[in-house]
């Protein structure tokens, strides 16, 4: 078995043992352990939340005084009382109002694990994923508190620099992370952006 396959199996097994809905939970766990950006009482929005692994991690970290909203085009059912999910497309113009009605305030943290339906044509898939991440950034002024944080996925490719520039323009500090739970062969990188400067 190749190292990449062994790592994949390890995190899948750990997710099953620890009750997480996906191995991706460990990507967020590693990032939060490193940067400490989801805290007790925080309000968090998770874009691309299916199947729910990141929602579970965020729910544990914010505790009973916090709130987690998950958004995905697929319906996600969660048992945790501090999680509410929306079956919506991030491109829906009503998404901001829907989230603010749920939360009654802006979020402290926005998460994005968004991916397009993969076509197999890399340039097309990377461009679509970049567009999804840029859409999250469009929503930041309406949804994120000043000084808040974003943790988002980006497929590395031709349009990566465009997205990185947008991130650096809006935040005081931007750090790049390749979590251990990511496959070595995957082009995905994660960006931790802290200190939203405000609209």
Foldseek 3Di string as FASTA:
>chain_A
DDPLVVLLVVLQVVCVVVVAPDSCLQVVVVVCVVVVAQAALFEEEEEQQPQPRVVVNSDVHNDPNYAYEYEDCDDYDDDDPRYDYDNDDLPPPCPLVVVCVVPVAAGQEYEYPDFDDDPPPVVVRQVVQLVVLVSVLVCCQSHHDAFGKYKYKHQDDDCPVVSVVSLVVFAVDKDKADDSSDRPPGSIIMIIGGGGHHD
